[in-house]
Amino acid sequence: MEYHNPVLLHETVDGLNIKPDGVYVDVTFGGGGHSKEILNRLGPNGKLFAFDQDQDALENALEDDRFTLIPQNFRYAKRFVRVQGYKTVDGILGDFGVSSHQFDVAERGFSTRFDSRLDMRMNQNDALSAYEVVNTYEEGKLRQVLSQYGELRNAPKLARAIYGARKDTPIETSEHLKEVINSFLPRGKEHKMLAQIYQAIRIEVNQELEVLKEFLKQTEDMLTTGGRLSLISYHSLEDRLVKRYIRSGLFEGEPEKDFYGNIEVPFKKVGKLIVPNAKEIATNNRARSAKLRVAERL
């Protein structure tokens, strides 16, 4: 089993418009697929920093003098790149979401396919896991998580069922959670709704949208003029944040206009939205929802 089959490999690295002697950052190292391709295009004086908070991913570190793997959440990218002696870099790559490895290892608790303890932590050292979300959140907070992050219309009913069931005994495993919510899953669409429920809990556990916002805000300072962002999103909540930030430097609302009606934004979009072709989806089904956006620092 491959640790992670990189999605849109060449398109994403192409988007960085790599200079042989440039400095680049891969904020989602995982199995190292994108990082390897960046290193292939760098010259002897180039430099690549990569981030990953998952202990399993750290075992994939690359033996290359031009490469440094930083065992941290990418919400701290700016800080740790500066610790390495660089105020600005020439390009930043991000492939967000869950890696194939995280989905395929049962005990990590990310997949609906396995019966395992509720976990879903990308950083195994974090205190908050899916178990705490499911068993300690008040009904109103559970409803909010399921509605906001899973975009589930029946979030109130699901939250009520979970809140009621755990009064008798804690909901410790995936199968137990499925039993609790089974009657609310529409026939023929059970897997889709389960995926939405798992997504919602996972986003809450890992603070994924807040982390993404913190990271995106840093890229304006991190990138040199003409530097590139090359970012892959997998669901609408992520992609909406990336799209809006590239367009306006904001996550909501519109940028202010000057007296002449002009706006000042940090990035310009490069090319059109890129999605995997049928061939890539056929060989890597997890690529089916990927959306790649590229931007250049103004």
Protein backbone atom coordinates (compact mmCIF):
# COMPACT_ATOMS: atom_id res chain seq x y z
CA MET A 1 0.00 0.00 0.00
CA GLU A 2 1.34 3.40 -0.97
CA TYR A 3 1.37 5.94 1.85
CA HIS A 4 -0.34 8.53 -0.32
CA ASN A 5 -0.77 8.80 -4.07
CA PRO A 6 -0.21 12.52 -4.84
CA VAL A 7 -3.12 14.20 -6.59
CA LEU A 8 -2.58 16.42 -9.65
CA LEU A 9 1.15 15.92 -9.13
CA HIS A 10 2.56 17.64 -12.21
CA GLU A 11 -0.15 20.29 -12.44
CA THR A 12 0.36 21.36 -8.84
CA VAL A 13 4.14 21.58 -9.11
CA ASP A 14 3.86 23.25 -12.54
CA GLY A 15 1.77 25.90 -10.81
CA LEU A 16 4.75 26.88 -8.65
CA ASN A 17 6.72 27.91 -11.75
CA ILE A 18 9.86 26.64 -10.03
CA LYS A 19 13.17 28.48 -10.26
CA PRO A 20 16.16 26.10 -9.87
CA ASP A 21 17.69 28.19 -7.07
CA GLY A 22 14.38 29.08 -5.41
CA VAL A 23 13.07 28.41 -1.92
CA TYR A 24 9.78 26.48 -1.64
CA VAL A 25 7.44 25.15 1.03
CA ASP A 26 5.24 22.04 0.93
CA VAL A 27 2.89 22.49 3.88
CA THR A 28 1.28 19.03 3.55
CA PHE A 29 4.20 16.60 3.17
CA GLY A 30 2.35 13.28 3.74
CA GLY A 31 4.01 10.62 1.62
CA GLY A 32 6.33 13.16 0.04
CA GLY A 33 5.08 12.84 -3.54
CA HIS A 34 4.81 16.55 -4.25
CA SER A 35 8.04 17.27 -2.38
CA LYS A 36 9.95 14.74 -4.49
CA GLU A 37 8.73 16.39 -7.67
CA ILE A 38 9.73 19.84 -6.40
CA LEU A 39 13.22 18.54 -5.57
CA ASN A 40 13.47 17.01 -9.05
CA ARG A 41 13.06 20.49 -10.50
CA LEU A 42 15.35 22.32 -8.08
CA GLY A 43 19.04 22.87 -8.72
CA PRO A 44 21.81 22.26 -6.19
CA ASN A 45 21.24 25.65 -4.57
CA GLY A 46 17.46 25.31 -4.24
CA LYS A 47 15.75 24.70 -0.92
CA LEU A 48 12.55 22.95 0.14
CA PHE A 49 10.88 23.06 3.56
CA ALA A 50 8.01 20.69 4.28
CA PHE A 51 5.50 20.50 7.14
CA ASP A 52 3.55 17.61 8.63
CA GLN A 53 2.16 17.11 12.13
CA ASP A 54 1.38 13.41 11.62
CA GLN A 55 3.98 11.18 13.29
CA ASP A 56 3.49 8.53 10.60
CA ALA A 57 4.38 11.02 7.85
CA LEU A 58 7.66 11.91 9.52
CA GLU A 59 8.94 8.42 8.71
CA ASN A 60 8.81 9.38 5.02
CA ALA A 61 11.43 12.14 5.39
CA LEU A 62 13.60 12.49 2.28
CA GLU A 63 17.38 12.13 2.32
CA ASP A 64 18.39 15.30 0.50
CA ASP A 65 20.58 18.18 1.69
CA ARG A 66 18.16 20.65 0.09
CA PHE A 67 15.23 19.31 2.11
CA THR A 68 14.06 20.00 5.69
CA LEU A 69 10.97 18.36 7.20
CA ILE A 70 9.43 20.38 10.04
CA PRO A 71 7.17 18.33 12.41
CA GLN A 72 4.55 21.03 12.93
CA ASN A 73 1.05 22.01 11.90
CA PHE A 74 1.22 24.31 8.87
CA ARG A 75 -0.67 26.98 10.80
CA TYR A 76 2.82 27.83 12.09
CA ALA A 77 4.48 27.88 8.65
CA LYS A 78 5.62 31.50 8.69
CA ARG A 79 7.18 31.20 12.16
CA PHE A 80 9.18 28.05 11.45
CA VAL A 81 10.35 29.10 7.99
CA ARG A 82 11.73 32.25 9.62
CA VAL A 83 13.42 30.11 12.27
CA GLN A 84 15.20 28.44 9.34
CA GLY A 85 16.48 31.86 8.25
CA TYR A 86 14.06 32.80 5.45
CA LYS A 87 11.64 35.74 5.60
CA THR A 88 10.19 35.07 2.14
CA VAL A 89 9.96 32.10 -0.22
CA ASP A 90 9.27 31.63 -3.93
CA GLY A 91 6.35 29.23 -3.71
CA ILE A 92 4.02 27.38 -1.36
CA LEU A 93 2.19 24.13 -2.11
CA GLY A 94 -0.72 22.74 -0.12
CA ASP A 95 -2.67 19.51 -0.67
CA PHE A 96 -5.33 19.71 2.03
CA GLY A 97 -7.59 17.05 3.46
CA VAL A 98 -6.85 13.51 4.67
CA SER A 99 -4.07 11.35 3.24
CA SER A 100 -4.68 7.88 1.82
CA HIS A 101 -2.62 6.47 4.69
CA GLN A 102 -4.84 8.10 7.29
CA PHE A 103 -7.94 6.71 5.59
CA ASP A 104 -6.49 3.22 5.16
CA VAL A 105 -5.13 2.64 8.68
CA ALA A 106 -8.15 1.45 10.64
CA GLU A 107 -7.04 2.56 14.10
CA ARG A 108 -6.75 6.20 12.98
CA GLY A 109 -10.55 6.28 12.83
CA PHE A 110 -10.87 8.42 9.69
CA SER A 111 -12.72 5.93 7.52
CA THR A 112 -16.31 4.72 7.68
CA ARG A 113 -15.10 1.34 6.40
CA PHE A 114 -13.56 0.15 9.65
CA ASP A 115 -14.76 -0.44 13.18
CA SER A 116 -12.27 1.37 15.38
CA ARG A 117 -12.19 3.70 18.35
CA LEU A 118 -13.34 7.18 17.44
CA ASP A 119 -10.18 9.20 16.88
CA MET A 120 -9.60 11.24 13.64
CA ARG A 121 -6.65 13.20 15.00
CA MET A 122 -4.13 14.26 12.36
CA ASN A 123 -1.71 14.93 15.19
CA GLN A 124 -1.84 11.89 17.47
CA ASN A 125 -0.61 14.01 20.37
CA ASP A 126 -3.59 16.38 20.36
CA ALA A 127 -5.99 16.07 23.30
CA LEU A 128 -9.23 16.46 21.33
CA SER A 129 -10.35 13.38 19.40
CA ALA A 130 -13.61 12.31 17.79
CA TYR A 131 -14.44 10.46 21.02
CA GLU A 132 -14.51 13.73 22.99
CA VAL A 133 -16.56 15.53 20.34
CA VAL A 134 -19.17 12.76 20.19
CA ASN A 135 -19.32 12.10 23.95
CA THR A 136 -18.77 15.48 25.64
CA TYR A 137 -20.17 18.19 23.36
CA GLU A 138 -23.55 19.59 24.37
CA GLU A 139 -26.40 18.89 21.97
CA GLY A 140 -26.37 22.44 20.61
CA LYS A 141 -22.62 22.33 19.88
CA LEU A 142 -22.97 18.94 18.20
CA ARG A 143 -25.78 20.32 16.04
CA GLN A 144 -23.61 23.28 15.05
CA VAL A 145 -20.66 21.05 14.09
CA LEU A 146 -22.81 18.71 11.98
CA SER A 147 -24.65 21.56 10.30
CA GLN A 148 -21.70 23.87 9.64
CA TYR A 149 -19.00 21.36 8.74
CA GLY A 150 -21.10 18.52 7.32
CA GLU A 151 -23.73 20.75 5.68
CA LEU A 152 -26.37 18.32 6.97
CA ARG A 153 -30.01 19.39 6.93
CA ASN A 154 -30.94 16.81 9.56
CA ALA A 155 -28.18 17.94 11.95
CA PRO A 156 -30.70 18.62 14.79
CA LYS A 157 -32.04 15.04 14.65
CA LEU A 158 -28.55 13.53 14.44
CA ALA A 159 -27.29 15.61 17.36
CA ARG A 160 -30.32 14.70 19.46
CA ALA A 161 -29.83 10.98 18.73
CA ILE A 162 -26.13 11.06 19.65
CA TYR A 163 -26.77 13.12 22.77
CA GLY A 164 -29.50 10.74 23.90
CA ALA A 165 -27.65 7.51 23.15
CA ARG A 166 -24.52 8.41 25.06
CA LYS A 167 -26.47 8.90 28.29
CA ASP A 168 -26.69 5.12 28.61
CA THR A 169 -23.14 4.26 27.54
CA PRO A 170 -20.31 6.15 25.84
CA ILE A 171 -20.14 5.93 22.05
CA GLU A 172 -16.61 4.56 21.68
CA THR A 173 -16.38 3.07 18.19
CA SER A 174 -17.33 3.75 14.58
CA GLU A 175 -19.81 0.87 14.55
CA HIS A 176 -21.51 2.12 17.70
CA LEU A 177 -21.86 5.59 16.16
CA LYS A 178 -23.32 4.07 12.98
CA GLU A 179 -25.87 2.13 15.04
CA VAL A 180 -26.96 5.32 16.79
CA ILE A 181 -27.52 7.28 13.58
CA ASN A 182 -28.50 4.42 11.25
CA SER A 183 -32.22 5.25 11.19
CA PHE A 184 -31.46 8.77 9.94
CA LEU A 185 -29.42 7.62 6.92
CA PRO A 186 -31.45 7.76 3.68
CA ARG A 187 -31.61 4.49 1.75
CA GLY A 188 -29.23 4.45 -1.17
CA LYS A 189 -27.31 7.43 0.18
CA GLU A 190 -26.05 5.98 3.45
CA HIS A 191 -22.38 6.21 2.51
CA LYS A 192 -22.67 9.81 1.35
CA MET A 193 -24.29 10.98 4.57
CA LEU A 194 -21.88 8.97 6.72
CA ALA A 195 -19.01 10.67 4.88
CA GLN A 196 -20.56 14.07 5.64
CA ILE A 197 -20.94 13.19 9.33
CA TYR A 198 -17.34 11.96 9.54
CA GLN A 199 -16.13 15.04 7.69
CA ALA A 200 -17.90 17.32 10.15
CA ILE A 201 -16.42 15.59 13.21
CA ARG A 202 -12.96 15.44 11.63
CA ILE A 203 -12.96 19.15 10.77
CA GLU A 204 -13.91 19.97 14.36
CA VAL A 205 -11.27 17.65 15.84
CA ASN A 206 -8.48 19.13 13.74
CA GLN A 207 -9.77 22.72 13.54
CA GLU A 208 -9.23 22.38 9.80
CA LEU A 209 -10.97 25.53 8.60
CA GLU A 210 -9.41 27.73 11.28
CA VAL A 211 -5.99 26.28 10.49
CA LEU A 212 -6.55 26.95 6.78
CA LYS A 213 -7.54 30.56 7.46
CA GLU A 214 -4.49 31.14 9.68
CA PHE A 215 -2.24 29.64 7.02
CA LEU A 216 -3.70 31.63 4.12
CA LYS A 217 -3.31 34.91 6.01
CA GLN A 218 0.41 34.17 6.44
CA THR A 219 1.06 33.53 2.75
CA GLU A 220 0.84 37.22 1.89
CA ASP A 221 3.91 37.92 4.05
CA MET A 222 5.71 34.68 3.25
CA LEU A 223 5.75 34.97 -0.55
CA THR A 224 8.10 37.19 -2.45
CA THR A 225 6.67 39.32 -5.27
CA GLY A 226 5.92 36.94 -8.13
CA GLY A 227 5.89 33.96 -5.75
CA ARG A 228 3.23 31.32 -6.31
CA LEU A 229 0.53 29.57 -4.28
CA SER A 230 -0.55 26.15 -5.57
CA LEU A 231 -3.39 24.77 -3.44
CA ILE A 232 -5.60 21.66 -3.69
CA SER A 233 -8.94 21.55 -1.86
CA TYR A 234 -11.33 18.60 -1.54
CA HIS A 235 -14.63 19.99 -0.30
CA SER A 236 -16.61 23.17 -0.78
CA LEU A 237 -15.84 24.60 2.67
CA GLU A 238 -12.09 24.54 1.99
CA ASP A 239 -12.33 25.58 -1.63
CA ARG A 240 -14.57 28.53 -0.81
CA LEU A 241 -11.96 29.91 1.61
CA VAL A 242 -9.11 29.44 -0.88
CA LYS A 243 -11.09 30.94 -3.76
CA ARG A 244 -12.18 34.01 -1.79
CA TYR A 245 -8.73 34.65 -0.34
CA ILE A 246 -7.06 34.47 -3.76
CA ARG A 247 -9.68 36.81 -5.21
CA SER A 248 -9.77 39.44 -2.48
CA GLY A 249 -7.41 38.66 0.38
CA LEU A 250 -10.53 38.21 2.54
CA PHE A 251 -12.73 35.30 3.61
CA GLU A 252 -15.97 37.26 3.53
CA GLY A 253 -17.14 40.59 2.21
CA GLU A 254 -15.38 42.64 -0.42
CA PRO A 255 -12.13 44.66 -0.28
CA GLU A 256 -12.38 48.41 0.13
CA LYS A 257 -12.13 50.60 -2.96
CA ASP A 258 -10.11 53.80 -3.14
CA PHE A 259 -11.42 57.15 -4.41
CA TYR A 260 -11.07 55.97 -8.01
CA GLY A 261 -12.84 52.66 -7.44
CA ASN A 262 -9.66 50.56 -7.43
CA ILE A 263 -9.02 47.73 -4.98
CA GLU A 264 -5.71 46.50 -3.64
CA VAL A 265 -5.42 42.73 -3.38
CA PRO A 266 -2.38 40.56 -2.50
CA PHE A 267 -2.75 37.96 -5.27
CA LYS A 268 -3.78 37.49 -8.85
CA LYS A 269 -5.31 34.27 -10.10
CA VAL A 270 -3.14 32.22 -12.48
CA GLY A 271 -5.04 30.21 -15.07
CA LYS A 272 -8.35 28.46 -14.51
CA LEU A 273 -9.52 25.98 -11.91
CA ILE A 274 -7.85 22.60 -12.53
CA VAL A 275 -9.51 19.27 -11.75
CA PRO A 276 -8.24 15.71 -12.32
CA ASN A 277 -8.96 14.07 -15.65
CA ALA A 278 -10.84 10.79 -16.02
CA LYS A 279 -7.62 8.78 -16.23
CA GLU A 280 -6.33 10.05 -12.88
CA ILE A 281 -9.69 9.50 -11.19
CA ALA A 282 -9.78 5.94 -12.55
CA THR A 283 -6.40 5.16 -10.96
CA ASN A 284 -6.92 7.21 -7.80
CA ASN A 285 -10.57 7.52 -6.82
CA ARG A 286 -9.77 9.92 -3.97
CA ALA A 287 -8.75 12.50 -6.58
CA ARG A 288 -12.35 12.84 -7.82
CA SER A 289 -13.23 15.89 -5.70
CA ALA A 290 -9.86 17.69 -5.94
CA LYS A 291 -9.75 21.32 -7.08
CA LEU A 292 -6.44 23.06 -7.78
CA ARG A 293 -6.13 26.86 -7.68
CA VAL A 294 -2.94 28.76 -8.45
CA ALA A 295 -2.19 32.39 -7.56
CA GLU A 296 0.74 34.79 -7.82
CA ARG A 297 1.83 37.34 -5.21
CA LEU A 298 1.51 40.89 -6.49
